[in-house]
Amino acid sequence: MSEPYDRSPKPISREPFTMDRSDPAFAGQSVYTPGALRAYDTVVVRLSNSLVWRCAARRILRQYNRHVTTSHLDVGPGTGYYLDRCRFPGTAPHLTLLDPNPDVLRFAGHRLRRYRPTSYAADVLKPVGLEPASYRSVALSYVLHCLPGDIRSKATVFDHLIPLVEPGGVVFGSTILNGGVRHTRLGRALLRVYNGKGIFSNLHDDLDGLEEELASRFGRYELEVSGAVALFAGWLEPPTQ
């Protein structure tokens, strides 16, 4: 009989914010204060996803249920909403949370404390100093549209994450696009507001560009659209025998 799973929490990282205020990505990350995180599930996950971006949270949760593994890295975990609800294939996943904002790491880490996650403060636009080939799945849900640059420049995050994935593993996620998808009038208005504040940076993100970046990096990939949101997954093909 296996030993009972130790559910005592692991220490949560209390490193300072790892991103300089002059960094173009700072605005998209610093908005996630403790107060904003407490409201996030209601305002973003339940309301904005369904009414504005027209991609209900259950659709993203299905993506997690399909791709998440027991060795998982979650980039930009937000409040930990999806990790809290998804079905891991095992009872004791090896879970790592990555974000430059310590408030995010503390909030999500506390919510997920039953899994004893490891928190890692880092900017995914830069090389990530985690062990190569140490994860079977990597997720970045609603991350790309918050990063500065166009879809082609911000796709460098894939180059930083791919080395961390085992052969045969998967990188999956979702992002709000501007081009190649249909927006409501409210959605267009919010895009302008969020981009003006620097919370989003996706006015030059389009579906064709995202597909080109996936195709250039993954041996196999999937790309779907739900409302104004693209849901993607790319697999690292194992070496041939």
Protein backbone atom coordinates (compact mmCIF):
# COMPACT_ATOMS: atom_id res chain seq x y z
CA MET A 1 0.00 0.00 0.00
CA SER A 2 1.35 3.42 -0.91
CA GLU A 3 2.06 5.98 1.80
CA PRO A 4 -0.66 8.58 2.43
CA TYR A 5 -0.22 11.79 0.50
CA ASP A 6 1.25 14.58 2.62
CA ARG A 7 -1.13 17.52 2.19
CA SER A 8 0.77 19.93 4.42
CA PRO A 9 1.51 23.13 2.48
CA LYS A 10 4.94 23.91 1.09
CA PRO A 11 6.35 27.39 1.65
CA ILE A 12 5.17 29.92 -0.91
CA SER A 13 7.79 32.11 -2.59
CA ARG A 14 7.98 35.61 -1.11
CA GLU A 15 10.50 36.99 -3.55
CA PRO A 16 10.01 40.63 -4.59
CA PHE A 17 8.43 41.47 -7.92
CA THR A 18 10.91 40.24 -10.49
CA MET A 19 10.04 42.75 -13.19
CA ASP A 20 11.31 46.33 -13.36
CA ARG A 21 8.69 49.07 -13.71
CA SER A 22 10.33 50.17 -16.96
CA ASP A 23 9.78 46.74 -18.49
CA PRO A 24 7.04 46.84 -21.21
CA ALA A 25 5.47 43.77 -19.60
CA PHE A 26 5.16 45.36 -16.15
CA ALA A 27 1.68 46.87 -16.63
CA GLY A 28 0.20 43.57 -17.76
CA GLN A 29 1.45 41.84 -14.61
CA SER A 30 1.28 44.48 -11.87
CA VAL A 31 -2.51 44.84 -12.17
CA TYR A 32 -2.88 41.53 -10.32
CA THR A 33 -2.90 42.90 -6.79
CA PRO A 34 -4.40 40.93 -3.87
CA GLY A 35 -7.65 42.87 -4.27
CA ALA A 36 -7.83 42.25 -8.00
CA LEU A 37 -7.14 38.56 -7.49
CA ARG A 38 -10.01 38.27 -5.01
CA ALA A 39 -12.37 39.68 -7.65
CA TYR A 40 -10.81 37.85 -10.61
CA ASP A 41 -12.92 34.68 -10.58
CA THR A 42 -16.16 36.66 -10.65
CA VAL A 43 -15.18 39.47 -13.01
CA VAL A 44 -12.98 37.61 -15.49
CA VAL A 45 -13.54 33.87 -15.20
CA ARG A 46 -17.31 33.90 -14.83
CA LEU A 47 -18.47 37.16 -16.45
CA SER A 48 -15.93 38.43 -19.00
CA ASN A 49 -15.15 34.97 -20.37
CA SER A 50 -18.78 34.24 -21.14
CA LEU A 51 -20.27 37.66 -21.92
CA VAL A 52 -17.37 39.54 -23.53
CA TRP A 53 -14.88 37.04 -25.00
CA ARG A 54 -17.52 34.30 -25.48
CA CYS A 55 -15.33 31.47 -24.27
CA ALA A 56 -16.88 30.10 -21.11
CA ALA A 57 -14.62 28.97 -18.28
CA ARG A 58 -15.88 25.40 -18.70
CA ARG A 59 -14.35 25.37 -22.19
CA ILE A 60 -10.91 26.22 -20.82
CA LEU A 61 -11.42 23.74 -17.99
CA ARG A 62 -12.08 21.02 -20.57
CA GLN A 63 -8.75 21.91 -22.15
CA TYR A 64 -7.02 21.43 -18.81
CA ASN A 65 -8.78 18.12 -18.21
CA ARG A 66 -7.63 16.90 -21.59
CA HIS A 67 -3.97 17.92 -21.39
CA VAL A 68 -2.85 18.34 -17.78
CA THR A 69 -0.51 15.68 -16.41
CA THR A 70 0.96 14.74 -13.04
CA SER A 71 4.14 16.68 -13.92
CA HIS A 72 2.83 20.14 -14.76
CA LEU A 73 4.13 23.70 -15.05
CA ASP A 74 1.51 26.45 -15.03
CA VAL A 75 2.66 29.81 -16.39
CA GLY A 76 0.58 32.77 -15.21
CA PRO A 77 -1.70 30.70 -12.95
CA GLY A 78 -3.84 33.69 -11.95
CA THR A 79 -5.97 32.64 -9.00
CA GLY A 80 -5.41 28.93 -9.65
CA TYR A 81 -9.04 28.56 -10.73
CA TYR A 82 -8.49 25.91 -13.41
CA LEU A 83 -5.87 23.95 -11.49
CA ASP A 84 -8.22 23.90 -8.51
CA ARG A 85 -10.98 22.32 -10.60
CA CYS A 86 -9.24 20.21 -13.23
CA ARG A 87 -8.85 16.44 -13.01
CA PHE A 88 -5.21 15.45 -12.62
CA PRO A 89 -4.59 11.88 -13.78
CA GLY A 90 -2.90 11.08 -10.45
CA THR A 91 -3.54 11.94 -6.81
CA ALA A 92 -0.27 13.75 -6.09
CA PRO A 93 0.81 15.89 -9.06
CA HIS A 94 4.20 17.54 -9.23
CA LEU A 95 2.96 21.09 -9.77
CA THR A 96 5.02 24.25 -10.40
CA LEU A 97 3.55 27.76 -10.64
CA LEU A 98 5.50 30.39 -12.58
CA ASP A 99 4.80 34.12 -12.55
CA PRO A 100 6.80 37.32 -12.06
CA ASN A 101 4.22 38.64 -9.58
CA PRO A 102 4.60 37.30 -6.02
CA ASP A 103 0.98 38.17 -5.20
CA VAL A 104 -0.15 35.73 -7.90
CA LEU A 105 2.18 33.03 -6.61
CA ARG A 106 0.98 33.45 -3.03
CA PHE A 107 -2.72 33.57 -3.96
CA ALA A 108 -2.67 30.56 -6.29
CA GLY A 109 -0.22 28.67 -4.10
CA HIS A 110 -2.47 29.00 -1.06
CA ARG A 111 -5.52 27.91 -3.01
CA LEU A 112 -3.67 24.87 -4.34
CA ARG A 113 -1.85 24.07 -1.11
CA ARG A 114 -3.29 20.55 -1.01
CA TYR A 115 -0.94 19.79 -3.94
CA ARG A 116 2.06 21.42 -2.25
CA PRO A 117 3.03 23.38 -5.38
CA THR A 118 6.44 24.88 -6.00
CA SER A 119 6.39 28.61 -6.76
CA TYR A 120 8.91 30.10 -9.17
CA ALA A 121 9.14 33.86 -9.72
CA ALA A 122 10.23 34.50 -13.31
CA ASP A 123 9.42 36.36 -16.52
CA VAL A 124 8.56 33.88 -19.26
CA LEU A 125 9.73 36.35 -21.92
CA LYS A 126 13.24 35.52 -20.72
CA PRO A 127 14.90 32.08 -20.51
CA VAL A 128 13.48 30.11 -17.59
CA GLY A 129 15.96 28.57 -15.19
CA LEU A 130 14.08 25.35 -14.45
CA GLU A 131 15.33 21.81 -15.03
CA PRO A 132 15.21 20.85 -18.75
CA ALA A 133 12.76 18.13 -19.80
CA SER A 134 11.21 18.05 -16.32
CA TYR A 135 7.51 18.54 -17.18
CA ARG A 136 5.05 16.49 -19.13
CA SER A 137 2.62 19.41 -19.57
CA VAL A 138 2.96 23.18 -19.58
CA ALA A 139 0.02 25.58 -19.64
CA LEU A 140 -0.22 29.30 -20.33
CA SER A 141 -3.85 30.31 -20.07
CA TYR A 142 -4.65 33.95 -20.88
CA VAL A 143 -0.96 34.85 -20.83
CA LEU A 144 0.00 35.78 -24.41
CA HIS A 145 -2.44 38.67 -24.76
CA CYS A 146 -0.91 40.31 -21.67
CA LEU A 147 2.66 40.22 -23.04
CA PRO A 148 4.15 43.15 -25.01
CA GLY A 149 4.84 42.92 -28.73
CA ASP A 150 3.00 41.22 -31.56
CA ILE A 151 2.19 37.52 -31.69
CA ARG A 152 5.42 36.74 -33.51
CA SER A 153 7.73 38.44 -31.00
CA LYS A 154 5.90 37.21 -27.90
CA ALA A 155 5.93 33.64 -29.26
CA THR A 156 9.50 33.50 -27.96
CA VAL A 157 7.84 32.23 -24.77
CA PHE A 158 7.45 28.90 -26.57
CA ASP A 159 11.20 28.82 -27.15
CA HIS A 160 11.75 29.30 -23.42
CA LEU A 161 9.21 26.67 -22.42
CA ILE A 162 9.86 23.92 -24.94
CA PRO A 163 13.22 22.93 -23.38
CA LEU A 164 11.39 22.27 -20.11
CA VAL A 165 9.05 19.69 -21.67
CA GLU A 166 9.74 15.98 -21.92
CA PRO A 167 9.67 14.40 -25.40
CA GLY A 168 6.03 13.64 -26.17
CA GLY A 169 4.87 16.32 -23.75
CA VAL A 170 2.43 19.12 -24.49
CA VAL A 171 2.32 22.92 -24.26
CA PHE A 172 -1.26 24.23 -24.20
CA GLY A 173 -3.11 27.41 -23.46
CA SER A 174 -5.51 30.11 -24.55
CA THR A 175 -5.29 33.75 -25.57
CA ILE A 176 -7.59 36.56 -26.64
CA LEU A 177 -6.85 37.66 -30.20
CA ASN A 178 -7.69 40.79 -32.12
CA GLY A 179 -7.49 39.53 -35.70
CA GLY A 180 -9.02 36.43 -37.28
CA VAL A 181 -11.76 36.16 -34.62
CA ARG A 182 -15.12 37.83 -34.13
CA HIS A 183 -15.60 40.42 -31.38
CA THR A 184 -18.73 41.99 -30.00
CA ARG A 185 -18.98 45.77 -29.79
CA LEU A 186 -18.29 45.51 -26.05
CA GLY A 187 -15.31 43.30 -26.71
CA ARG A 188 -13.81 45.82 -29.15
CA ALA A 189 -14.31 48.61 -26.62
CA LEU A 190 -12.64 46.65 -23.83
CA LEU A 191 -9.73 45.75 -26.10
CA ARG A 192 -9.07 49.44 -26.69
CA VAL A 193 -9.31 50.24 -22.98
CA TYR A 194 -7.12 47.36 -21.82
CA ASN A 195 -4.52 47.99 -24.51
CA GLY A 196 -4.51 51.68 -23.64
CA LYS A 197 -3.75 50.85 -20.02
CA GLY A 198 -1.13 48.25 -20.94
CA ILE A 199 -3.08 45.42 -19.28
CA PHE A 200 -3.43 43.78 -22.71
CA SER A 201 -1.06 44.08 -25.62
CA ASN A 202 -2.83 42.16 -28.36
CA LEU A 203 -3.93 44.61 -31.05
CA HIS A 204 -1.42 42.95 -33.40
CA ASP A 205 -2.24 39.37 -32.37
CA ASP A 206 -4.05 37.40 -35.05
CA LEU A 207 -5.07 33.81 -35.65
CA ASP A 208 -2.88 33.25 -38.73
CA GLY A 209 0.17 34.55 -36.90
CA LEU A 210 -0.43 32.29 -33.93
CA GLU A 211 -0.83 29.28 -36.18
CA GLU A 212 2.43 30.08 -37.98
CA GLU A 213 4.29 30.23 -34.68
CA LEU A 214 2.82 26.93 -33.51
CA ALA A 215 3.55 25.19 -36.81
CA SER A 216 7.17 26.34 -36.78
CA ARG A 217 7.84 24.86 -33.33
CA PHE A 218 5.72 21.77 -32.78
CA GLY A 219 5.65 18.48 -34.62
CA ARG A 220 1.90 18.37 -34.04
CA TYR A 221 -0.48 21.08 -32.90
CA GLU A 222 -4.16 21.90 -32.52
CA LEU A 223 -5.79 25.32 -32.74
CA GLU A 224 -9.44 26.09 -32.05
CA VAL A 225 -11.44 29.30 -31.73
CA SER A 226 -14.18 29.98 -29.22
CA GLY A 227 -15.55 33.49 -29.58
CA ALA A 228 -12.56 35.84 -29.49
CA VAL A 229 -10.31 33.26 -27.82
CA ALA A 230 -7.85 30.88 -29.47
CA LEU A 231 -7.20 27.61 -27.65
CA PHE A 232 -4.03 25.84 -28.69
CA ALA A 233 -1.93 22.80 -27.92
CA GLY A 234 1.41 21.70 -29.33
CA TRP A 235 3.22 18.40 -28.81
CA LEU A 236 6.91 17.67 -28.78
CA GLU A 237 7.26 14.51 -30.82
CA PRO A 238 9.35 11.85 -29.10
CA PRO A 239 12.52 10.84 -30.96
CA THR A 240 12.09 8.09 -33.52
CA GLN A 241 13.52 4.70 -32.70
